[in-house]
mmCIF file of all heavy atoms, coordinates in Angstrom:
data_MODEL
# 
_entry.id   MODEL 
# 
loop_
_atom_site.group_PDB 
_atom_site.id 
_atom_site.type_symbol 
_atom_site.label_atom_id 
_atom_site.label_alt_id 
_atom_site.label_comp_id 
_atom_site.label_asym_id 
_atom_site.label_entity_id 
_atom_site.label_seq_id 
_atom_site.pdbx_PDB_ins_code 
_atom_site.Cartn_x 
_atom_site.Cartn_y 
_atom_site.Cartn_z 
_atom_site.occupancy 
_atom_site.B_iso_or_equiv 
_atom_site.pdbx_formal_charge 
_atom_site.auth_seq_id 
_atom_site.auth_comp_id 
_atom_site.auth_asym_id 
_atom_site.auth_atom_id 
_atom_site.pdbx_PDB_model_num 
ATOM 1   N N   . ALA A 1 1  ? 0.920   -1.166  -0.018  1.00 0.00 ? 1  ALA A N   1 
ATOM 2   C CA  . ALA A 1 1  ? 0.023   -0.047  -0.025  1.00 0.00 ? 1  ALA A CA  1 
ATOM 3   C C   . ALA A 1 1  ? 0.797   1.223   -0.041  1.00 0.00 ? 1  ALA A C   1 
ATOM 4   O O   . ALA A 1 1  ? 0.600   2.270   -0.739  1.00 0.00 ? 1  ALA A O   1 
ATOM 5   C CB  . ALA A 1 1  ? -0.920  -0.036  1.203   1.00 0.00 ? 1  ALA A CB  1 
ATOM 6   N N   . SER A 1 2  ? 1.799   1.336   0.885   1.00 0.00 ? 2  SER A N   1 
ATOM 7   C CA  . SER A 1 2  ? 2.652   2.429   0.939   1.00 0.00 ? 2  SER A CA  1 
ATOM 8   C C   . SER A 1 2  ? 3.520   2.776   -0.288  1.00 0.00 ? 2  SER A C   1 
ATOM 9   O O   . SER A 1 2  ? 3.790   3.826   -0.648  1.00 0.00 ? 2  SER A O   1 
ATOM 10  C CB  . SER A 1 2  ? 3.548   2.562   2.194   1.00 0.00 ? 2  SER A CB  1 
ATOM 11  O OG  . SER A 1 2  ? 4.439   1.499   2.108   1.00 0.00 ? 2  SER A OG  1 
ATOM 12  N N   . TYR A 1 3  ? 3.863   1.741   -1.016  1.00 0.00 ? 3  TYR A N   1 
ATOM 13  C CA  . TYR A 1 3  ? 4.600   1.796   -2.205  1.00 0.00 ? 3  TYR A CA  1 
ATOM 14  C C   . TYR A 1 3  ? 3.711   2.755   -3.244  1.00 0.00 ? 3  TYR A C   1 
ATOM 15  O O   . TYR A 1 3  ? 4.459   3.303   -4.100  1.00 0.00 ? 3  TYR A O   1 
ATOM 16  C CB  . TYR A 1 3  ? 4.845   0.384   -2.776  1.00 0.00 ? 3  TYR A CB  1 
ATOM 17  C CG  . TYR A 1 3  ? 5.764   0.290   -3.993  1.00 0.00 ? 3  TYR A CG  1 
ATOM 18  C CD1 . TYR A 1 3  ? 7.185   0.247   -3.837  1.00 0.00 ? 3  TYR A CD1 1 
ATOM 19  C CD2 . TYR A 1 3  ? 5.221   0.380   -5.282  1.00 0.00 ? 3  TYR A CD2 1 
ATOM 20  C CE1 . TYR A 1 3  ? 8.016   -0.001  -4.828  1.00 0.00 ? 3  TYR A CE1 1 
ATOM 21  C CE2 . TYR A 1 3  ? 6.107   0.183   -6.412  1.00 0.00 ? 3  TYR A CE2 1 
ATOM 22  C CZ  . TYR A 1 3  ? 7.493   0.144   -6.133  1.00 0.00 ? 3  TYR A CZ  1 
ATOM 23  O OH  . TYR A 1 3  ? 8.337   -0.011  -7.187  1.00 0.00 ? 3  TYR A OH  1 
ATOM 24  N N   . ILE A 1 4  ? 2.396   2.677   -3.147  1.00 0.00 ? 4  ILE A N   1 
ATOM 25  C CA  . ILE A 1 4  ? 1.723   3.414   -4.089  1.00 0.00 ? 4  ILE A CA  1 
ATOM 26  C C   . ILE A 1 4  ? 0.852   4.438   -3.384  1.00 0.00 ? 4  ILE A C   1 
ATOM 27  O O   . ILE A 1 4  ? -0.045  5.105   -3.955  1.00 0.00 ? 4  ILE A O   1 
ATOM 28  C CB  . ILE A 1 4  ? 0.718   2.539   -4.926  1.00 0.00 ? 4  ILE A CB  1 
ATOM 29  C CG1 . ILE A 1 4  ? -0.275  1.601   -4.032  1.00 0.00 ? 4  ILE A CG1 1 
ATOM 30  C CG2 . ILE A 1 4  ? 1.572   1.691   -5.870  1.00 0.00 ? 4  ILE A CG2 1 
ATOM 31  C CD1 . ILE A 1 4  ? -1.284  0.864   -4.753  1.00 0.00 ? 4  ILE A CD1 1 
ATOM 32  N N   . GLY A 1 5  ? 1.308   4.774   -2.109  1.00 0.00 ? 5  GLY A N   1 
ATOM 33  C CA  . GLY A 1 5  ? 0.701   5.966   -1.495  1.00 0.00 ? 5  GLY A CA  1 
ATOM 34  C C   . GLY A 1 5  ? -0.778  5.741   -0.834  1.00 0.00 ? 5  GLY A C   1 
ATOM 35  O O   . GLY A 1 5  ? -1.422  6.635   -0.760  1.00 0.00 ? 5  GLY A O   1 
ATOM 36  N N   . LEU A 1 6  ? -1.059  4.609   -0.589  1.00 0.00 ? 6  LEU A N   1 
ATOM 37  C CA  . LEU A 1 6  ? -2.377  4.234   0.109   1.00 0.00 ? 6  LEU A CA  1 
ATOM 38  C C   . LEU A 1 6  ? -2.204  3.658   1.435   1.00 0.00 ? 6  LEU A C   1 
ATOM 39  O O   . LEU A 1 6  ? -1.153  3.129   1.803   1.00 0.00 ? 6  LEU A O   1 
ATOM 40  C CB  . LEU A 1 6  ? -3.062  3.168   -0.903  1.00 0.00 ? 6  LEU A CB  1 
ATOM 41  C CG  . LEU A 1 6  ? -3.437  3.818   -2.257  1.00 0.00 ? 6  LEU A CG  1 
ATOM 42  C CD1 . LEU A 1 6  ? -4.271  2.617   -2.925  1.00 0.00 ? 6  LEU A CD1 1 
ATOM 43  C CD2 . LEU A 1 6  ? -4.435  4.965   -2.357  1.00 0.00 ? 6  LEU A CD2 1 
ATOM 44  N N   . SER A 1 7  ? -3.324  3.677   2.184   1.00 0.00 ? 7  SER A N   1 
ATOM 45  C CA  . SER A 1 7  ? -3.281  2.870   3.508   1.00 0.00 ? 7  SER A CA  1 
ATOM 46  C C   . SER A 1 7  ? -3.604  1.434   3.171   1.00 0.00 ? 7  SER A C   1 
ATOM 47  O O   . SER A 1 7  ? -4.004  1.235   2.052   1.00 0.00 ? 7  SER A O   1 
ATOM 48  C CB  . SER A 1 7  ? -4.446  3.523   4.242   1.00 0.00 ? 7  SER A CB  1 
ATOM 49  O OG  . SER A 1 7  ? -5.760  2.975   3.806   1.00 0.00 ? 7  SER A OG  1 
ATOM 50  N N   . GLY A 1 8  ? -3.329  0.627   4.026   1.00 0.00 ? 8  GLY A N   1 
ATOM 51  C CA  . GLY A 1 8  ? -3.508  -0.879  3.815   1.00 0.00 ? 8  GLY A CA  1 
ATOM 52  C C   . GLY A 1 8  ? -4.942  -1.138  3.477   1.00 0.00 ? 8  GLY A C   1 
ATOM 53  O O   . GLY A 1 8  ? -5.243  -1.881  2.571   1.00 0.00 ? 8  GLY A O   1 
ATOM 54  N N   . ALA A 1 9  ? -5.961  -0.491  4.170   1.00 0.00 ? 9  ALA A N   1 
ATOM 55  C CA  . ALA A 1 9  ? -7.389  -0.768  3.935   1.00 0.00 ? 9  ALA A CA  1 
ATOM 56  C C   . ALA A 1 9  ? -7.709  -0.258  2.417   1.00 0.00 ? 9  ALA A C   1 
ATOM 57  O O   . ALA A 1 9  ? -8.538  -0.936  1.872   1.00 0.00 ? 9  ALA A O   1 
ATOM 58  C CB  . ALA A 1 9  ? -8.288  -0.011  4.939   1.00 0.00 ? 9  ALA A CB  1 
ATOM 59  N N   . GLN A 1 10 ? -7.227  0.962   2.066   1.00 0.00 ? 10 GLN A N   1 
ATOM 60  C CA  . GLN A 1 10 ? -7.505  1.379   0.745   1.00 0.00 ? 10 GLN A CA  1 
ATOM 61  C C   . GLN A 1 10 ? -6.902  0.467   -0.371  1.00 0.00 ? 10 GLN A C   1 
ATOM 62  O O   . GLN A 1 10 ? -7.648  0.231   -1.359  1.00 0.00 ? 10 GLN A O   1 
ATOM 63  C CB  . GLN A 1 10 ? -7.053  2.848   0.524   1.00 0.00 ? 10 GLN A CB  1 
ATOM 64  C CG  . GLN A 1 10 ? -7.639  3.836   1.461   1.00 0.00 ? 10 GLN A CG  1 
ATOM 65  C CD  . GLN A 1 10 ? -6.913  5.144   1.492   1.00 0.00 ? 10 GLN A CD  1 
ATOM 66  O OE1 . GLN A 1 10 ? -5.649  5.226   1.182   1.00 0.00 ? 10 GLN A OE1 1 
ATOM 67  N NE2 . GLN A 1 10 ? -7.497  6.278   1.807   1.00 0.00 ? 10 GLN A NE2 1 
ATOM 68  N N   . TYR A 1 11 ? -5.702  0.095   -0.084  1.00 0.00 ? 11 TYR A N   1 
ATOM 69  C CA  . TYR A 1 11 ? -5.095  -0.950  -1.048  1.00 0.00 ? 11 TYR A CA  1 
ATOM 70  C C   . TYR A 1 11 ? -5.886  -2.180  -1.180  1.00 0.00 ? 11 TYR A C   1 
ATOM 71  O O   . TYR A 1 11 ? -6.197  -2.551  -2.395  1.00 0.00 ? 11 TYR A O   1 
ATOM 72  C CB  . TYR A 1 11 ? -3.725  -1.216  -0.669  1.00 0.00 ? 11 TYR A CB  1 
ATOM 73  C CG  . TYR A 1 11 ? -3.067  -2.399  -1.345  1.00 0.00 ? 11 TYR A CG  1 
ATOM 74  C CD1 . TYR A 1 11 ? -2.711  -2.358  -2.648  1.00 0.00 ? 11 TYR A CD1 1 
ATOM 75  C CD2 . TYR A 1 11 ? -3.068  -3.523  -0.542  1.00 0.00 ? 11 TYR A CD2 1 
ATOM 76  C CE1 . TYR A 1 11 ? -2.225  -3.435  -3.380  1.00 0.00 ? 11 TYR A CE1 1 
ATOM 77  C CE2 . TYR A 1 11 ? -2.523  -4.731  -1.245  1.00 0.00 ? 11 TYR A CE2 1 
ATOM 78  C CZ  . TYR A 1 11 ? -2.122  -4.689  -2.500  1.00 0.00 ? 11 TYR A CZ  1 
ATOM 79  O OH  . TYR A 1 11 ? -1.541  -5.829  -3.112  1.00 0.00 ? 11 TYR A OH  1 
ATOM 80  N N   . THR A 1 12 ? -6.374  -2.742  -0.123  1.00 0.00 ? 12 THR A N   1 
ATOM 81  C CA  . THR A 1 12 ? -7.089  -4.045  -0.111  1.00 0.00 ? 12 THR A CA  1 
ATOM 82  C C   . THR A 1 12 ? -8.383  -3.745  -0.831  1.00 0.00 ? 12 THR A C   1 
ATOM 83  O O   . THR A 1 12 ? -8.834  -4.588  -1.699  1.00 0.00 ? 12 THR A O   1 
ATOM 84  C CB  . THR A 1 12 ? -7.234  -4.481  1.243   1.00 0.00 ? 12 THR A CB  1 
ATOM 85  O OG1 . THR A 1 12 ? -6.025  -4.844  1.920   1.00 0.00 ? 12 THR A OG1 1 
ATOM 86  C CG2 . THR A 1 12 ? -8.134  -5.834  1.195   1.00 0.00 ? 12 THR A CG2 1 
ATOM 87  N N   . THR A 1 13 ? -9.043  -2.706  -0.569  1.00 0.00 ? 13 THR A N   1 
ATOM 88  C CA  . THR A 1 13 ? -10.309 -2.375  -1.095  1.00 0.00 ? 13 THR A CA  1 
ATOM 89  C C   . THR A 1 13 ? -10.186 -2.156  -2.717  1.00 0.00 ? 13 THR A C   1 
ATOM 90  O O   . THR A 1 13 ? -10.974 -2.607  -3.495  1.00 0.00 ? 13 THR A O   1 
ATOM 91  C CB  . THR A 1 13 ? -10.960 -1.072  -0.525  1.00 0.00 ? 13 THR A CB  1 
ATOM 92  O OG1 . THR A 1 13 ? -11.068 -1.318  0.913   1.00 0.00 ? 13 THR A OG1 1 
ATOM 93  C CG2 . THR A 1 13 ? -12.407 -0.857  -1.072  1.00 0.00 ? 13 THR A CG2 1 
ATOM 94  N N   . LEU A 1 14 ? -9.135  -1.359  -3.084  1.00 0.00 ? 14 LEU A N   1 
ATOM 95  C CA  . LEU A 1 14 ? -8.866  -1.142  -4.599  1.00 0.00 ? 14 LEU A CA  1 
ATOM 96  C C   . LEU A 1 14 ? -8.616  -2.407  -5.312  1.00 0.00 ? 14 LEU A C   1 
ATOM 97  O O   . LEU A 1 14 ? -9.219  -2.689  -6.299  1.00 0.00 ? 14 LEU A O   1 
ATOM 98  C CB  . LEU A 1 14 ? -7.693  -0.163  -4.718  1.00 0.00 ? 14 LEU A CB  1 
ATOM 99  C CG  . LEU A 1 14 ? -7.260  0.230   -6.100  1.00 0.00 ? 14 LEU A CG  1 
ATOM 100 C CD1 . LEU A 1 14 ? -8.554  1.053   -6.763  1.00 0.00 ? 14 LEU A CD1 1 
ATOM 101 C CD2 . LEU A 1 14 ? -6.152  0.991   -6.151  1.00 0.00 ? 14 LEU A CD2 1 
ATOM 102 N N   . VAL A 1 15 ? -7.796  -3.372  -4.760  1.00 0.00 ? 15 VAL A N   1 
ATOM 103 C CA  . VAL A 1 15 ? -7.448  -4.550  -5.337  1.00 0.00 ? 15 VAL A CA  1 
ATOM 104 C C   . VAL A 1 15 ? -8.772  -5.415  -5.470  1.00 0.00 ? 15 VAL A C   1 
ATOM 105 O O   . VAL A 1 15 ? -8.891  -6.095  -6.537  1.00 0.00 ? 15 VAL A O   1 
ATOM 106 C CB  . VAL A 1 15 ? -6.228  -5.202  -4.545  1.00 0.00 ? 15 VAL A CB  1 
ATOM 107 C CG1 . VAL A 1 15 ? -6.156  -6.723  -5.133  1.00 0.00 ? 15 VAL A CG1 1 
ATOM 108 C CG2 . VAL A 1 15 ? -4.984  -4.583  -4.774  1.00 0.00 ? 15 VAL A CG2 1 
ATOM 109 N N   . THR A 1 16 ? -9.562  -5.510  -4.534  1.00 0.00 ? 16 THR A N   1 
ATOM 110 C CA  . THR A 1 16 ? -10.709 -6.240  -4.548  1.00 0.00 ? 16 THR A CA  1 
ATOM 111 C C   . THR A 1 16 ? -11.732 -5.809  -5.486  1.00 0.00 ? 16 THR A C   1 
ATOM 112 O O   . THR A 1 16 ? -12.283 -6.512  -6.237  1.00 0.00 ? 16 THR A O   1 
ATOM 113 C CB  . THR A 1 16 ? -11.361 -6.313  -2.992  1.00 0.00 ? 16 THR A CB  1 
ATOM 114 O OG1 . THR A 1 16 ? -10.329 -6.709  -2.139  1.00 0.00 ? 16 THR A OG1 1 
ATOM 115 C CG2 . THR A 1 16 ? -12.594 -7.258  -3.013  1.00 0.00 ? 16 THR A CG2 1 
ATOM 116 N N   . ILE A 1 17 ? -11.909 -4.520  -5.622  1.00 0.00 ? 17 ILE A N   1 
ATOM 117 C CA  . ILE A 1 17 ? -12.879 -3.928  -6.668  1.00 0.00 ? 17 ILE A CA  1 
ATOM 118 C C   . ILE A 1 17 ? -12.212 -4.306  -7.982  1.00 0.00 ? 17 ILE A C   1 
ATOM 119 O O   . ILE A 1 17 ? -13.072 -4.686  -8.809  1.00 0.00 ? 17 ILE A O   1 
ATOM 120 C CB  . ILE A 1 17 ? -12.916 -2.435  -6.601  1.00 0.00 ? 17 ILE A CB  1 
ATOM 121 C CG1 . ILE A 1 17 ? -13.593 -1.954  -5.218  1.00 0.00 ? 17 ILE A CG1 1 
ATOM 122 C CG2 . ILE A 1 17 ? -13.507 -1.828  -7.753  1.00 0.00 ? 17 ILE A CG2 1 
ATOM 123 C CD1 . ILE A 1 17 ? -13.410 -0.606  -4.956  1.00 0.00 ? 17 ILE A CD1 1 
ATOM 124 N N   . ARG A 1 18 ? -10.912 -4.180  -8.285  1.00 0.00 ? 18 ARG A N   1 
ATOM 125 C CA  . ARG A 1 18 ? -10.459 -4.678  -9.549  1.00 0.00 ? 18 ARG A CA  1 
ATOM 126 C C   . ARG A 1 18 ? -10.663 -5.958  -9.846  1.00 0.00 ? 18 ARG A C   1 
ATOM 127 O O   . ARG A 1 18 ? -11.140 -6.434  -10.991 1.00 0.00 ? 18 ARG A O   1 
ATOM 128 C CB  . ARG A 1 18 ? -8.914  -4.511  -9.615  1.00 0.00 ? 18 ARG A CB  1 
ATOM 129 C CG  . ARG A 1 18 ? -8.324  -4.707  -10.933 1.00 0.00 ? 18 ARG A CG  1 
ATOM 130 C CD  . ARG A 1 18 ? -6.765  -4.655  -10.950 1.00 0.00 ? 18 ARG A CD  1 
ATOM 131 N NE  . ARG A 1 18 ? -6.202  -5.721  -10.102 1.00 0.00 ? 18 ARG A NE  1 
ATOM 132 C CZ  . ARG A 1 18 ? -4.962  -5.666  -9.807  1.00 0.00 ? 18 ARG A CZ  1 
ATOM 133 N NH1 . ARG A 1 18 ? -4.063  -4.945  -10.306 1.00 0.00 ? 18 ARG A NH1 1 
ATOM 134 N NH2 . ARG A 1 18 ? -4.536  -6.711  -8.973  1.00 0.00 ? 18 ARG A NH2 1 
ATOM 135 N N   . HIS A 1 19 ? -10.471 -6.998  -8.756  1.00 0.00 ? 19 HIS A N   1 
ATOM 136 C CA  . HIS A 1 19 ? -10.769 -8.456  -9.046  1.00 0.00 ? 19 HIS A CA  1 
ATOM 137 C C   . HIS A 1 19 ? -12.280 -8.721  -9.287  1.00 0.00 ? 19 HIS A C   1 
ATOM 138 O O   . HIS A 1 19 ? -12.545 -9.673  -9.890  1.00 0.00 ? 19 HIS A O   1 
ATOM 139 C CB  . HIS A 1 19 ? -10.195 -9.106  -7.888  1.00 0.00 ? 19 HIS A CB  1 
ATOM 140 C CG  . HIS A 1 19 ? -8.639  -9.306  -7.879  1.00 0.00 ? 19 HIS A CG  1 
ATOM 141 N ND1 . HIS A 1 19 ? -8.049  -9.784  -8.945  1.00 0.00 ? 19 HIS A ND1 1 
ATOM 142 C CD2 . HIS A 1 19 ? -7.760  -8.860  -7.038  1.00 0.00 ? 19 HIS A CD2 1 
ATOM 143 C CE1 . HIS A 1 19 ? -6.682  -9.841  -8.762  1.00 0.00 ? 19 HIS A CE1 1 
ATOM 144 N NE2 . HIS A 1 19 ? -6.493  -9.152  -7.590  1.00 0.00 ? 19 HIS A NE2 1 
ATOM 145 N N   . LEU A 1 20 ? -13.123 -8.005  -8.635  1.00 0.00 ? 20 LEU A N   1 
ATOM 146 C CA  . LEU A 1 20 ? -14.560 -8.203  -8.693  1.00 0.00 ? 20 LEU A CA  1 
ATOM 147 C C   . LEU A 1 20 ? -15.448 -7.358  -9.514  1.00 0.00 ? 20 LEU A C   1 
ATOM 148 O O   . LEU A 1 20 ? -16.604 -7.583  -9.710  1.00 0.00 ? 20 LEU A O   1 
ATOM 149 C CB  . LEU A 1 20 ? -15.109 -8.291  -7.243  1.00 0.00 ? 20 LEU A CB  1 
ATOM 150 C CG  . LEU A 1 20 ? -14.523 -9.192  -6.237  1.00 0.00 ? 20 LEU A CG  1 
ATOM 151 C CD1 . LEU A 1 20 ? -15.015 -8.979  -4.859  1.00 0.00 ? 20 LEU A CD1 1 
ATOM 152 C CD2 . LEU A 1 20 ? -14.696 -10.637 -6.758  1.00 0.00 ? 20 LEU A CD2 1 
ATOM 153 N N   . GLN A 1 21 ? -14.796 -6.435  -10.328 1.00 0.00 ? 21 GLN A N   1 
ATOM 154 C CA  . GLN A 1 21 ? -15.710 -5.419  -10.948 1.00 0.00 ? 21 GLN A CA  1 
ATOM 155 C C   . GLN A 1 21 ? -16.393 -5.903  -12.066 1.00 0.00 ? 21 GLN A C   1 
ATOM 156 O O   . GLN A 1 21 ? -17.478 -5.263  -12.600 1.00 0.00 ? 21 GLN A O   1 
ATOM 157 C CB  . GLN A 1 21 ? -14.923 -4.099  -11.333 1.00 0.00 ? 21 GLN A CB  1 
ATOM 158 C CG  . GLN A 1 21 ? -13.864 -4.295  -12.450 1.00 0.00 ? 21 GLN A CG  1 
ATOM 159 C CD  . GLN A 1 21 ? -13.077 -2.918  -12.666 1.00 0.00 ? 21 GLN A CD  1 
ATOM 160 O OE1 . GLN A 1 21 ? -12.785 -2.273  -11.755 1.00 0.00 ? 21 GLN A OE1 1 
ATOM 161 N NE2 . GLN A 1 21 ? -12.772 -2.725  -13.931 1.00 0.00 ? 21 GLN A NE2 1 
ATOM 162 N N   . ASP A 1 22 ? -16.158 -6.919  -12.614 1.00 0.00 ? 22 ASP A N   1 
ATOM 163 C CA  . ASP A 1 22 ? -16.815 -7.567  -13.740 1.00 0.00 ? 22 ASP A CA  1 
ATOM 164 C C   . ASP A 1 22 ? -18.109 -8.280  -13.209 1.00 0.00 ? 22 ASP A C   1 
ATOM 165 O O   . ASP A 1 22 ? -18.965 -8.682  -14.051 1.00 0.00 ? 22 ASP A O   1 
ATOM 166 C CB  . ASP A 1 22 ? -15.987 -8.572  -14.518 1.00 0.00 ? 22 ASP A CB  1 
ATOM 167 C CG  . ASP A 1 22 ? -14.901 -7.887  -15.319 1.00 0.00 ? 22 ASP A CG  1 
ATOM 168 O OD1 . ASP A 1 22 ? -15.002 -6.730  -15.558 1.00 0.00 ? 22 ASP A OD1 1 
ATOM 169 O OD2 . ASP A 1 22 ? -13.860 -8.595  -15.562 1.00 0.00 ? 22 ASP A OD2 1 
ATOM 170 N N   . THR A 1 23 ? -18.255 -8.359  -11.914 1.00 0.00 ? 23 THR A N   1 
ATOM 171 C CA  . THR A 1 23 ? -19.227 -9.153  -11.320 1.00 0.00 ? 23 THR A CA  1 
ATOM 172 C C   . THR A 1 23 ? -20.653 -8.500  -11.420 1.00 0.00 ? 23 THR A C   1 
ATOM 173 O O   . THR A 1 23 ? -21.583 -9.165  -11.671 1.00 0.00 ? 23 THR A O   1 
ATOM 174 C CB  . THR A 1 23 ? -19.000 -9.522  -9.837  1.00 0.00 ? 23 THR A CB  1 
ATOM 175 O OG1 . THR A 1 23 ? -17.757 -10.123 -9.818  1.00 0.00 ? 23 THR A OG1 1 
ATOM 176 C CG2 . THR A 1 23 ? -19.991 -10.287 -9.222  1.00 0.00 ? 23 THR A CG2 1 
ATOM 177 N N   . PRO A 1 24 ? -21.061 -7.177  -11.241 1.00 0.00 ? 24 PRO A N   1 
ATOM 178 C CA  . PRO A 1 24 ? -20.180 -6.012  -10.944 1.00 0.00 ? 24 PRO A CA  1 
ATOM 179 C C   . PRO A 1 24 ? -19.880 -5.873  -9.367  1.00 0.00 ? 24 PRO A C   1 
ATOM 180 O O   . PRO A 1 24 ? -20.717 -6.502  -8.659  1.00 0.00 ? 24 PRO A O   1 
ATOM 181 C CB  . PRO A 1 24 ? -21.044 -4.956  -11.409 1.00 0.00 ? 24 PRO A CB  1 
ATOM 182 C CG  . PRO A 1 24 ? -22.499 -5.306  -11.298 1.00 0.00 ? 24 PRO A CG  1 
ATOM 183 C CD  . PRO A 1 24 ? -22.387 -6.863  -11.542 1.00 0.00 ? 24 PRO A CD  1 
ATOM 184 N N   . ALA A 1 25 ? -18.898 -5.236  -9.006  1.00 0.00 ? 25 ALA A N   1 
ATOM 185 C CA  . ALA A 1 25 ? -18.619 -5.025  -7.646  1.00 0.00 ? 25 ALA A CA  1 
ATOM 186 C C   . ALA A 1 25 ? -19.541 -3.941  -7.052  1.00 0.00 ? 25 ALA A C   1 
ATOM 187 O O   . ALA A 1 25 ? -19.617 -2.937  -7.565  1.00 0.00 ? 25 ALA A O   1 
ATOM 188 C CB  . ALA A 1 25 ? -17.070 -4.452  -7.586  1.00 0.00 ? 25 ALA A CB  1 
# 
C-alpha cells in the first residue's frame, strides 16, 4: 500500500474492486 501511497485498507479495497468489478462490484 505505501509503495503506491495508500493505506492498507484502501489498497485492499482497490485490489478487491479490480478483481470483482466484472461481477459487478
